[in-house]
């Protein structure tokens, strides 16, 4: 009886813990909601997704399977709102795709390369004016065509970003889905890979370790085709080549216009386009 009395007294004397207050998503900001999303996605269980691939790995759908319900519960949404090419053709047009020939033990094959910067925007559903944007670099290859190269780039880019963003435990690094370990591409000759056909039938050459204008490393001068494009835009505004060169010198300090960075080149081309459009809308008086 004494032991029983002691146990009852001890239990009765222990204060009851107050229940944690329920969290209201409508009163939370994005940072607070991200914390809850991390709690909902502690780890991914890898699976064998194909009989032809002997190892296990996580697909982006495995991430969505955990993340989507939590996003719905806590009121978070995201979308890709911008896609910007990081490489350009010599005439200045954006280049999202290029190709190279890969030499394998099973013969040659054409590999498509997709590359772009993607802007991802997070939105607080309960306060849509609160957003957060981040730029991701997407790079993917595939020998099945440009659509598969883009799909590979977006999938890998988003999957690994979400892994890092929400600290999802995936064990060791995931191997690639395609088992091409024995099919490594041949080393490029003279700093460039084999030429291939890109969009609209244009032929492009993918360079290796070649910095873009405005990037780190030795700066490349603008090509004659790019400068010819700029001068045609200037001509449409009623400017001579000499006048365009003078404007570049005054604005950017380049005696040689071809030494402009890619950003400066894009800026002055956009400025000339805007001026030409303004002329077309307001009459041709300034073009005489």
C-alpha atoms as a PDB file:
ATOM      1  CA  UNK A   1       0.000   0.000   0.000  1.00  0.00           C
ATOM      2  CA  UNK A   2       2.801   2.417   0.856  1.00  0.00           C
ATOM      3  CA  UNK A   3       4.464   1.846  -2.501  1.00  0.00           C
ATOM      4  CA  UNK A   4       1.158   2.336  -4.238  1.00  0.00           C
ATOM      5  CA  UNK A   5       0.452   5.512  -2.327  1.00  0.00           C
ATOM      6  CA  UNK A   6       3.883   6.909  -3.156  1.00  0.00           C
ATOM      7  CA  UNK A   7       3.432   6.248  -6.906  1.00  0.00           C
ATOM      8  CA  UNK A   8       0.019   7.868  -6.928  1.00  0.00           C
ATOM      9  CA  UNK A   9       1.252  10.925  -5.067  1.00  0.00           C
ATOM     10  CA  UNK A  10       4.247  11.338  -7.387  1.00  0.00           C
ATOM     11  CA  UNK A  11       2.134  11.117 -10.532  1.00  0.00           C
ATOM     12  CA  UNK A  12      -0.389  13.582  -9.165  1.00  0.00           C
ATOM     13  CA  UNK A  13       2.312  16.061  -8.245  1.00  0.00           C
ATOM     14  CA  UNK A  14       3.847  16.182 -11.746  1.00  0.00           C
ATOM     15  CA  UNK A  15       2.637  19.266 -13.623  1.00  0.00           C
ATOM     16  CA  UNK A  16       0.996  18.563 -16.967  1.00  0.00           C
ATOM     17  CA  UNK A  17       2.853  19.875 -20.003  1.00  0.00           C
ATOM     18  CA  UNK A  18       0.921  22.447 -21.941  1.00  0.00           C
ATOM     19  CA  UNK A  19       0.118  21.383 -25.482  1.00  0.00           C
ATOM     20  CA  UNK A  20       2.104  23.237 -28.128  1.00  0.00           C
ATOM     21  CA  UNK A  21      -0.037  25.866 -29.788  1.00  0.00           C
ATOM     22  CA  UNK A  22      -1.121  24.956 -33.311  1.00  0.00           C
ATOM     23  CA  UNK A  23       0.740  26.920 -35.993  1.00  0.00           C
ATOM     24  CA  UNK A  24      -1.360  29.035 -38.289  1.00  0.00           C
ATOM     25  CA  UNK A  25       0.140  29.120 -41.826  1.00  0.00           C
ATOM     26  CA  UNK A  26      -1.677  32.375 -42.542  1.00  0.00           C
ATOM     27  CA  UNK A  27       0.412  34.182 -39.928  1.00  0.00           C
ATOM     28  CA  UNK A  28       3.747  32.759 -41.112  1.00  0.00           C
ATOM     29  CA  UNK A  29       6.254  34.231 -43.537  1.00  0.00           C
ATOM     30  CA  UNK A  30       8.122  32.264 -46.198  1.00  0.00           C
ATOM     31  CA  UNK A  31      11.187  31.642 -44.043  1.00  0.00           C
ATOM     32  CA  UNK A  32       9.038  30.117 -41.307  1.00  0.00           C
ATOM     33  CA  UNK A  33       7.189  27.968 -43.832  1.00  0.00           C
ATOM     34  CA  UNK A  34      10.475  26.739 -45.325  1.00  0.00           C
ATOM     35  CA  UNK A  35      11.384  25.399 -41.884  1.00  0.00           C
ATOM     36  CA  UNK A  36       8.169  23.366 -41.818  1.00  0.00           C
ATOM     37  CA  UNK A  37       8.872  22.037 -45.308  1.00  0.00           C
ATOM     38  CA  UNK A  38      12.294  20.862 -44.130  1.00  0.00           C
ATOM     39  CA  UNK A  39      10.673  19.006 -41.256  1.00  0.00           C
ATOM     40  CA  UNK A  40       8.323  17.282 -43.702  1.00  0.00           C
ATOM     41  CA  UNK A  41      11.173  16.061 -45.952  1.00  0.00           C
ATOM     42  CA  UNK A  42      13.868  14.532 -43.713  1.00  0.00           C
ATOM     43  CA  UNK A  43      15.119  11.950 -46.206  1.00  0.00           C
ATOM     44  CA  UNK A  44      14.467  10.271 -49.536  1.00  0.00           C
ATOM     45  CA  UNK A  45      14.398   6.484 -49.819  1.00  0.00           C
ATOM     46  CA  UNK A  46      16.222   5.546 -53.004  1.00  0.00           C
ATOM     47  CA  UNK A  47      14.623   3.040 -55.365  1.00  0.00           C
ATOM     48  CA  UNK A  48      15.587   0.986 -58.376  1.00  0.00           C
ATOM     49  CA  UNK A  49      13.535   2.650 -61.096  1.00  0.00           C
ATOM     50  CA  UNK A  50      14.546   0.501 -64.046  1.00  0.00           C
ATOM     51  CA  UNK A  51      15.541  -3.121 -64.670  1.00  0.00           C
ATOM     52  CA  UNK A  52      18.267  -1.836 -66.969  1.00  0.00           C
ATOM     53  CA  UNK A  53      19.839   0.294 -64.228  1.00  0.00           C
ATOM     54  CA  UNK A  54      21.124  -1.875 -61.405  1.00  0.00           C
ATOM     55  CA  UNK A  55      21.686   0.831 -58.780  1.00  0.00           C
ATOM     56  CA  UNK A  56      19.111   2.707 -56.710  1.00  0.00           C
ATOM     57  CA  UNK A  57      18.669   6.462 -56.926  1.00  0.00           C
ATOM     58  CA  UNK A  58      16.164   9.213 -56.219  1.00  0.00           C
ATOM     59  CA  UNK A  59      14.097  10.800 -58.984  1.00  0.00           C
ATOM     60  CA  UNK A  60      12.594  14.251 -58.827  1.00  0.00           C
ATOM     61  CA  UNK A  61       9.160  12.636 -58.464  1.00  0.00           C
ATOM     62  CA  UNK A  62      10.371  11.126 -55.187  1.00  0.00           C
ATOM     63  CA  UNK A  63      11.073  14.669 -53.993  1.00  0.00           C
ATOM     64  CA  UNK A  64       7.670  15.914 -55.147  1.00  0.00           C
ATOM     65  CA  UNK A  65       5.985  13.010 -53.371  1.00  0.00           C
ATOM     66  CA  UNK A  66       7.205  14.385 -50.030  1.00  0.00           C
ATOM     67  CA  UNK A  67       7.311  18.083 -50.820  1.00  0.00           C
ATOM     68  CA  UNK A  68       3.980  18.678 -52.592  1.00  0.00           C
ATOM     69  CA  UNK A  69       1.700  17.676 -49.676  1.00  0.00           C
ATOM     70  CA  UNK A  70       3.747  19.821 -47.285  1.00  0.00           C
ATOM     71  CA  UNK A  71       3.595  22.796 -49.663  1.00  0.00           C
ATOM     72  CA  UNK A  72      -0.186  22.427 -49.853  1.00  0.00           C
ATOM     73  CA  UNK A  73      -0.468  22.198 -46.082  1.00  0.00           C
ATOM     74  CA  UNK A  74       1.691  25.235 -45.329  1.00  0.00           C
ATOM     75  CA  UNK A  75       0.626  27.406 -48.262  1.00  0.00           C
ATOM     76  CA  UNK A  76       3.772  27.592 -50.410  1.00  0.00           C
ATOM     77  CA  UNK A  77       3.983  27.582 -54.201  1.00  0.00           C
ATOM     78  CA  UNK A  78       6.756  27.956 -56.780  1.00  0.00           C
ATOM     79  CA  UNK A  79       7.148  28.320 -60.522  1.00  0.00           C
ATOM     80  CA  UNK A  80       9.838  28.863 -63.148  1.00  0.00           C
ATOM     81  CA  UNK A  81       9.242  32.437 -64.322  1.00  0.00           C
ATOM     82  CA  UNK A  82      12.228  33.054 -66.581  1.00  0.00           C
ATOM     83  CA  UNK A  83      14.540  31.107 -68.905  1.00  0.00           C
ATOM     84  CA  UNK A  84      17.625  32.959 -70.187  1.00  0.00           C
ATOM     85  CA  UNK A  85      20.269  31.592 -72.559  1.00  0.00           C
ATOM     86  CA  UNK A  86      23.847  31.806 -71.293  1.00  0.00           C
ATOM     87  CA  UNK A  87      25.401  31.379 -74.739  1.00  0.00           C
ATOM     88  CA  UNK A  88      24.739  33.192 -78.010  1.00  0.00           C
ATOM     89  CA  UNK A  89      25.206  32.743 -81.727  1.00  0.00           C
ATOM     90  CA  UNK A  90      27.692  35.018 -83.443  1.00  0.00           C
ATOM     91  CA  UNK A  91      24.855  37.255 -84.639  1.00  0.00           C
ATOM     92  CA  UNK A  92      23.788  37.767 -81.008  1.00  0.00           C
ATOM     93  CA  UNK A  93      20.733  35.504 -80.954  1.00  0.00           C
ATOM     94  CA  UNK A  94      20.314  33.314 -77.843  1.00  0.00           C
ATOM     95  CA  UNK A  95      21.603  29.759 -78.158  1.00  0.00           C
ATOM     96  CA  UNK A  96      19.922  27.226 -75.881  1.00  0.00           C
ATOM     97  CA  UNK A  97      21.088  24.116 -77.756  1.00  0.00           C
ATOM     98  CA  UNK A  98      24.286  22.853 -79.335  1.00  0.00           C
ATOM     99  CA  UNK A  99      25.583  19.425 -80.309  1.00  0.00           C
ATOM    100  CA  UNK A 100      28.759  17.416 -80.374  1.00  0.00           C
ATOM    101  CA  UNK A 101      29.704  13.961 -81.649  1.00  0.00           C
ATOM    102  CA  UNK A 102      30.563  11.391 -79.004  1.00  0.00           C
ATOM    103  CA  UNK A 103      32.762   8.467 -80.010  1.00  0.00           C
ATOM    104  CA  UNK A 104      31.841   5.256 -78.170  1.00  0.00           C
ATOM    105  CA  UNK A 105      32.631   1.568 -78.510  1.00  0.00           C
ATOM    106  CA  UNK A 106      29.212   1.211 -80.119  1.00  0.00           C
ATOM    107  CA  UNK A 107      29.898   3.885 -82.724  1.00  0.00           C
ATOM    108  CA  UNK A 108      29.451   7.628 -82.997  1.00  0.00           C
ATOM    109  CA  UNK A 109      26.369   9.399 -81.742  1.00  0.00           C
ATOM    110  CA  UNK A 110      25.181  12.998 -81.714  1.00  0.00           C
ATOM    111  CA  UNK A 111      24.691  14.417 -78.233  1.00  0.00           C
ATOM    112  CA  UNK A 112      22.490  17.453 -77.655  1.00  0.00           C
ATOM    113  CA  UNK A 113      23.468  20.033 -75.030  1.00  0.00           C
ATOM    114  CA  UNK A 114      20.995  22.422 -73.362  1.00  0.00           C
ATOM    115  CA  UNK A 115      22.174  25.291 -71.150  1.00  0.00           C
ATOM    116  CA  UNK A 116      20.305  28.219 -69.581  1.00  0.00           C
ATOM    117  CA  UNK A 117      19.723  30.179 -66.387  1.00  0.00           C
ATOM    118  CA  UNK A 118      16.317  29.536 -64.791  1.00  0.00           C
ATOM    119  CA  UNK A 119      14.623  31.939 -62.388  1.00  0.00           C
ATOM    120  CA  UNK A 120      12.554  30.115 -59.759  1.00  0.00           C
ATOM    121  CA  UNK A 121      10.035  32.137 -57.748  1.00  0.00           C
ATOM    122  CA  UNK A 122       8.676  31.022 -54.359  1.00  0.00           C
ATOM    123  CA  UNK A 123       5.320  32.481 -53.299  1.00  0.00           C
ATOM    124  CA  UNK A 124       3.669  32.684 -49.894  1.00  0.00           C
ATOM    125  CA  UNK A 125       0.132  31.617 -50.834  1.00  0.00           C
ATOM    126  CA  UNK A 126      -1.342  33.319 -47.761  1.00  0.00           C
ATOM    127  CA  UNK A 127       0.459  36.550 -48.655  1.00  0.00           C
ATOM    128  CA  UNK A 128       1.084  36.501 -52.437  1.00  0.00           C
ATOM    129  CA  UNK A 129       3.010  39.777 -52.320  1.00  0.00           C
ATOM    130  CA  UNK A 130       5.776  37.955 -50.427  1.00  0.00           C
ATOM    131  CA  UNK A 131       7.992  36.197 -52.937  1.00  0.00           C
ATOM    132  CA  UNK A 132      11.556  34.966 -53.177  1.00  0.00           C
ATOM    133  CA  UNK A 133      13.460  34.464 -56.432  1.00  0.00           C
ATOM    134  CA  UNK A 134      16.594  32.469 -57.106  1.00  0.00           C
ATOM    135  CA  UNK A 135      18.567  31.890 -60.303  1.00  0.00           C
ATOM    136  CA  UNK A 136      19.605  28.323 -61.107  1.00  0.00           C
ATOM    137  CA  UNK A 137      21.992  27.203 -63.836  1.00  0.00           C
ATOM    138  CA  UNK A 138      20.610  24.272 -65.851  1.00  0.00           C
ATOM    139  CA  UNK A 139      22.892  22.132 -68.003  1.00  0.00           C
ATOM    140  CA  UNK A 140      21.911  18.813 -69.541  1.00  0.00           C
ATOM    141  CA  UNK A 141      22.911  16.433 -72.333  1.00  0.00           C
ATOM    142  CA  UNK A 142      21.071  13.661 -74.128  1.00  0.00           C
ATOM    143  CA  UNK A 143      21.458  11.780 -77.390  1.00  0.00           C
ATOM    144  CA  UNK A 144      17.684  11.503 -77.807  1.00  0.00           C
ATOM    145  CA  UNK A 145      17.149  15.031 -79.111  1.00  0.00           C
ATOM    146  CA  UNK A 146      16.903  18.628 -77.841  1.00  0.00           C
ATOM    147  CA  UNK A 147      13.689  18.042 -75.892  1.00  0.00           C
ATOM    148  CA  UNK A 148      15.300  15.275 -73.855  1.00  0.00           C
ATOM    149  CA  UNK A 149      18.404  17.379 -73.247  1.00  0.00           C
ATOM    150  CA  UNK A 150      16.239  20.190 -71.884  1.00  0.00           C
ATOM    151  CA  UNK A 151      14.206  17.776 -69.774  1.00  0.00           C
ATOM    152  CA  UNK A 152      17.387  16.293 -68.329  1.00  0.00           C
ATOM    153  CA  UNK A 153      18.776  19.748 -67.533  1.00  0.00           C
ATOM    154  CA  UNK A 154      15.623  20.976 -65.797  1.00  0.00           C
ATOM    155  CA  UNK A 155      15.147  17.722 -63.870  1.00  0.00           C
ATOM    156  CA  UNK A 156      18.679  17.538 -62.482  1.00  0.00           C
ATOM    157  CA  UNK A 157      18.821  21.266 -61.776  1.00  0.00           C
ATOM    158  CA  UNK A 158      15.569  21.306 -59.793  1.00  0.00           C
ATOM    159  CA  UNK A 159      16.170  17.978 -58.050  1.00  0.00           C
ATOM    160  CA  UNK A 160      19.539  18.926 -56.607  1.00  0.00           C
ATOM    161  CA  UNK A 161      18.405  22.444 -55.771  1.00  0.00           C
ATOM    162  CA  UNK A 162      15.490  21.065 -53.737  1.00  0.00           C
ATOM    163  CA  UNK A 163      17.792  18.535 -52.061  1.00  0.00           C
ATOM    164  CA  UNK A 164      20.071  21.359 -50.912  1.00  0.00           C
ATOM    165  CA  UNK A 165      17.324  23.874 -50.164  1.00  0.00           C
ATOM    166  CA  UNK A 166      15.509  21.578 -47.741  1.00  0.00           C
ATOM    167  CA  UNK A 167      18.555  19.608 -46.524  1.00  0.00           C
ATOM    168  CA  UNK A 168      17.041  16.327 -47.709  1.00  0.00           C
ATOM    169  CA  UNK A 169      19.195  13.352 -46.793  1.00  0.00           C
ATOM    170  CA  UNK A 170      19.867  11.226 -49.878  1.00  0.00           C
ATOM    171  CA  UNK A 171      22.918   9.324 -48.696  1.00  0.00           C
ATOM    172  CA  UNK A 172      25.762   9.271 -51.207  1.00  0.00           C
ATOM    173  CA  UNK A 173      25.522  11.296 -54.413  1.00  0.00           C
ATOM    174  CA  UNK A 174      23.058   9.994 -56.962  1.00  0.00           C
ATOM    175  CA  UNK A 175      24.593   8.440 -60.084  1.00  0.00           C
ATOM    176  CA  UNK A 176      23.182   9.450 -63.434  1.00  0.00           C
ATOM    177  CA  UNK A 177      20.103   7.615 -64.686  1.00  0.00           C
ATOM    178  CA  UNK A 178      21.824   6.596 -67.930  1.00  0.00           C
ATOM    179  CA  UNK A 179      24.604   4.085 -67.442  1.00  0.00           C
ATOM    180  CA  UNK A 180      27.227   5.420 -69.881  1.00  0.00           C
ATOM    181  CA  UNK A 181      30.278   4.896 -67.708  1.00  0.00           C
ATOM    182  CA  UNK A 182      32.141   3.109 -70.522  1.00  0.00           C
ATOM    183  CA  UNK A 183      31.128   5.626 -73.188  1.00  0.00           C
ATOM    184  CA  UNK A 184      33.165   8.668 -72.183  1.00  0.00           C
ATOM    185  CA  UNK A 185      33.417  11.283 -74.945  1.00  0.00           C
ATOM    186  CA  UNK A 186      36.668  11.783 -76.802  1.00  0.00           C
ATOM    187  CA  UNK A 187      38.839  14.663 -75.636  1.00  0.00           C
ATOM    188  CA  UNK A 188      38.206  17.788 -77.724  1.00  0.00           C
ATOM    189  CA  UNK A 189      40.922  18.847 -80.130  1.00  0.00           C
ATOM    190  CA  UNK A 190      42.424  22.360 -79.982  1.00  0.00           C
ATOM    191  CA  UNK A 191      40.032  23.479 -77.249  1.00  0.00           C
ATOM    192  CA  UNK A 192      36.837  22.753 -79.162  1.00  0.00           C
ATOM    193  CA  UNK A 193      34.468  19.874 -79.732  1.00  0.00           C
ATOM    194  CA  UNK A 194      33.086  18.626 -83.019  1.00  0.00           C
ATOM    195  CA  UNK A 195      30.704  20.927 -84.779  1.00  0.00           C
ATOM    196  CA  UNK A 196      27.030  20.008 -84.827  1.00  0.00           C
ATOM    197  CA  UNK A 197      23.766  21.306 -86.147  1.00  0.00           C
ATOM    198  CA  UNK A 198      21.693  23.394 -83.783  1.00  0.00           C
ATOM    199  CA  UNK A 199      18.369  25.147 -84.069  1.00  0.00           C
ATOM    200  CA  UNK A 200      17.070  26.210 -87.481  1.00  0.00           C
ATOM    201  CA  UNK A 201      19.760  24.167 -89.178  1.00  0.00           C
ATOM    202  CA  UNK A 202      22.546  26.510 -88.060  1.00  0.00           C
ATOM    203  CA  UNK A 203      25.932  24.937 -87.437  1.00  0.00           C
ATOM    204  CA  UNK A 204      27.542  25.613 -84.099  1.00  0.00           C
ATOM    205  CA  UNK A 205      30.761  24.588 -82.442  1.00  0.00           C
ATOM    206  CA  UNK A 206      30.737  23.962 -78.728  1.00  0.00           C
ATOM    207  CA  UNK A 207      33.932  25.289 -77.159  1.00  0.00           C
ATOM    208  CA  UNK A 208      35.379  23.966 -73.940  1.00  0.00           C
ATOM    209  CA  UNK A 209      36.620  26.324 -71.221  1.00  0.00           C
ATOM    210  CA  UNK A 210      36.022  29.327 -73.455  1.00  0.00           C
ATOM    211  CA  UNK A 211      34.844  32.295 -71.368  1.00  0.00           C
ATOM    212  CA  UNK A 212      31.935  34.374 -72.588  1.00  0.00           C
ATOM    213  CA  UNK A 213      32.383  38.128 -72.961  1.00  0.00           C
ATOM    214  CA  UNK A 214      32.191  39.688 -69.542  1.00  0.00           C
ATOM    215  CA  UNK A 215      33.119  36.476 -67.731  1.00  0.00           C
ATOM    216  CA  UNK A 216      36.346  35.615 -65.967  1.00  0.00           C
ATOM    217  CA  UNK A 217      39.394  34.764 -68.032  1.00  0.00           C
ATOM    218  CA  UNK A 218      40.784  36.420 -71.157  1.00  0.00           C
ATOM    219  CA  UNK A 219      38.036  38.461 -72.788  1.00  0.00           C
ATOM    220  CA  UNK A 220      37.109  37.609 -76.368  1.00  0.00           C
ATOM    221  CA  UNK A 221      36.449  40.400 -78.822  1.00  0.00           C
ATOM    222  CA  UNK A 222      33.078  40.638 -80.489  1.00  0.00           C
ATOM    223  CA  UNK A 223      32.855  38.887 -83.844  1.00  0.00           C
ATOM    224  CA  UNK A 224      32.519  40.718 -87.185  1.00  0.00           C
ATOM    225  CA  UNK A 225      28.981  39.311 -87.474  1.00  0.00           C
ATOM    226  CA  UNK A 226      28.030  40.824 -84.109  1.00  0.00           C
ATOM    227  CA  UNK A 227      29.494  44.207 -85.032  1.00  0.00           C
ATOM    228  CA  UNK A 228      27.754  44.128 -88.408  1.00  0.00           C
ATOM    229  CA  UNK A 229      24.463  43.464 -86.592  1.00  0.00           C
ATOM    230  CA  UNK A 230      25.087  46.445 -84.304  1.00  0.00           C
ATOM    231  CA  UNK A 231      25.888  48.780 -87.221  1.00  0.00           C
ATOM    232  CA  UNK A 232      22.723  47.725 -89.036  1.00  0.00           C
ATOM    233  CA  UNK A 233      20.727  48.644 -85.934  1.00  0.00           C
ATOM    234  CA  UNK A 234      22.525  51.999 -85.840  1.00  0.00           C
ATOM    235  CA  UNK A 235      21.760  52.549 -89.532  1.00  0.00           C
ATOM    236  CA  UNK A 236      18.080  51.922 -88.821  1.00  0.00           C
ATOM    237  CA  UNK A 237      18.275  54.805 -86.344  1.00  0.00           C
ATOM    238  CA  UNK A 238      19.890  57.116 -88.909  1.00  0.00           C
ATOM    239  CA  UNK A 239      23.390  56.764 -87.413  1.00  0.00           C
ATOM    240  CA  UNK A 240      26.567  56.211 -89.396  1.00  0.00           C
ATOM    241  CA  UNK A 241      29.176  53.656 -88.394  1.00  0.00           C
ATOM    242  CA  UNK A 242      31.434  56.481 -87.223  1.00  0.00           C
ATOM    243  CA  UNK A 243      28.645  57.949 -85.079  1.00  0.00           C
ATOM    244  CA  UNK A 244      28.001  54.568 -83.507  1.00  0.00           C
ATOM    245  CA  UNK A 245      31.717  54.111 -82.751  1.00  0.00           C
ATOM    246  CA  UNK A 246      31.817  57.573 -81.157  1.00  0.00           C
ATOM    247  CA  UNK A 247      28.837  56.748 -78.961  1.00  0.00           C
ATOM    248  CA  UNK A 248      30.515  53.515 -77.818  1.00  0.00           C
ATOM    249  CA  UNK A 249      33.699  55.424 -77.000  1.00  0.00           C
ATOM    250  CA  UNK A 250      31.805  58.047 -74.980  1.00  0.00           C
ATOM    251  CA  UNK A 251      29.614  55.528 -73.163  1.00  0.00           C
ATOM    252  CA  UNK A 252      32.019  52.640 -72.523  1.00  0.00           C
ATOM    253  CA  UNK A 253      35.499  54.067 -73.198  1.00  0.00           C
ATOM    254  CA  UNK A 254      36.424  51.554 -75.926  1.00  0.00           C
ATOM    255  CA  UNK A 255      38.514  52.843 -78.816  1.00  0.00           C
ATOM    256  CA  UNK A 256      37.874  49.478 -80.472  1.00  0.00           C
ATOM    257  CA  UNK A 257      34.110  48.800 -80.347  1.00  0.00           C
ATOM    258  CA  UNK A 258      34.733  45.050 -80.660  1.00  0.00           C
ATOM    259  CA  UNK A 259      36.283  45.110 -77.169  1.00  0.00           C
ATOM    260  CA  UNK A 260      32.903  45.753 -75.527  1.00  0.00           C
ATOM    261  CA  UNK A 261      31.727  43.123 -73.078  1.00  0.00           C
ATOM    262  CA  UNK A 262      28.721  41.003 -73.936  1.00  0.00           C
ATOM    263  CA  UNK A 263      26.624  42.977 -71.450  1.00  0.00           C
ATOM    264  CA  UNK A 264      27.642  46.308 -73.010  1.00  0.00           C
ATOM    265  CA  UNK A 265      26.935  44.977 -76.490  1.00  0.00           C
ATOM    266  CA  UNK A 266      23.466  43.770 -75.486  1.00  0.00           C
ATOM    267  CA  UNK A 267      22.766  47.084 -73.765  1.00  0.00           C
ATOM    268  CA  UNK A 268      23.617  49.274 -76.751  1.00  0.00           C
ATOM    269  CA  UNK A 269      21.738  46.971 -79.155  1.00  0.00           C
ATOM    270  CA  UNK A 270      18.655  47.235 -76.943  1.00  0.00           C
ATOM    271  CA  UNK A 271      19.077  51.013 -76.807  1.00  0.00           C
ATOM    272  CA  UNK A 272      19.251  51.242 -80.606  1.00  0.00           C
ATOM    273  CA  UNK A 273      16.204  48.992 -80.979  1.00  0.00           C
ATOM    274  CA  UNK A 274      14.236  51.188 -78.579  1.00  0.00           C
ATOM    275  CA  UNK A 275      15.249  54.362 -80.432  1.00  0.00           C
ATOM    276  CA  UNK A 276      14.320  52.850 -83.807  1.00  0.00           C
ATOM    277  CA  UNK A 277      10.927  51.807 -82.439  1.00  0.00           C
ATOM    278  CA  UNK A 278      10.383  55.306 -81.083  1.00  0.00           C
ATOM    279  CA  UNK A 279      11.186  56.759 -84.490  1.00  0.00           C
ATOM    280  CA  UNK A 280       8.717  54.429 -86.192  1.00  0.00           C
ATOM    281  CA  UNK A 281       5.998  55.485 -83.799  1.00  0.00           C
ATOM    282  CA  UNK A 282       6.710  59.210 -83.971  1.00  0.00           C
ATOM    283  CA  UNK A 283       7.423  59.604 -87.667  1.00  0.00           C
ATOM    284  CA  UNK A 284      10.567  59.639 -89.755  1.00  0.00           C
ATOM    285  CA  UNK A 285      11.702  63.241 -89.082  1.00  0.00           C
ATOM    286  CA  UNK A 286      14.782  62.190 -87.089  1.00  0.00           C
ATOM    287  CA  UNK A 287      15.831  59.668 -89.702  1.00  0.00           C
ATOM    288  CA  UNK A 288      16.247  62.228 -92.488  1.00  0.00           C
END
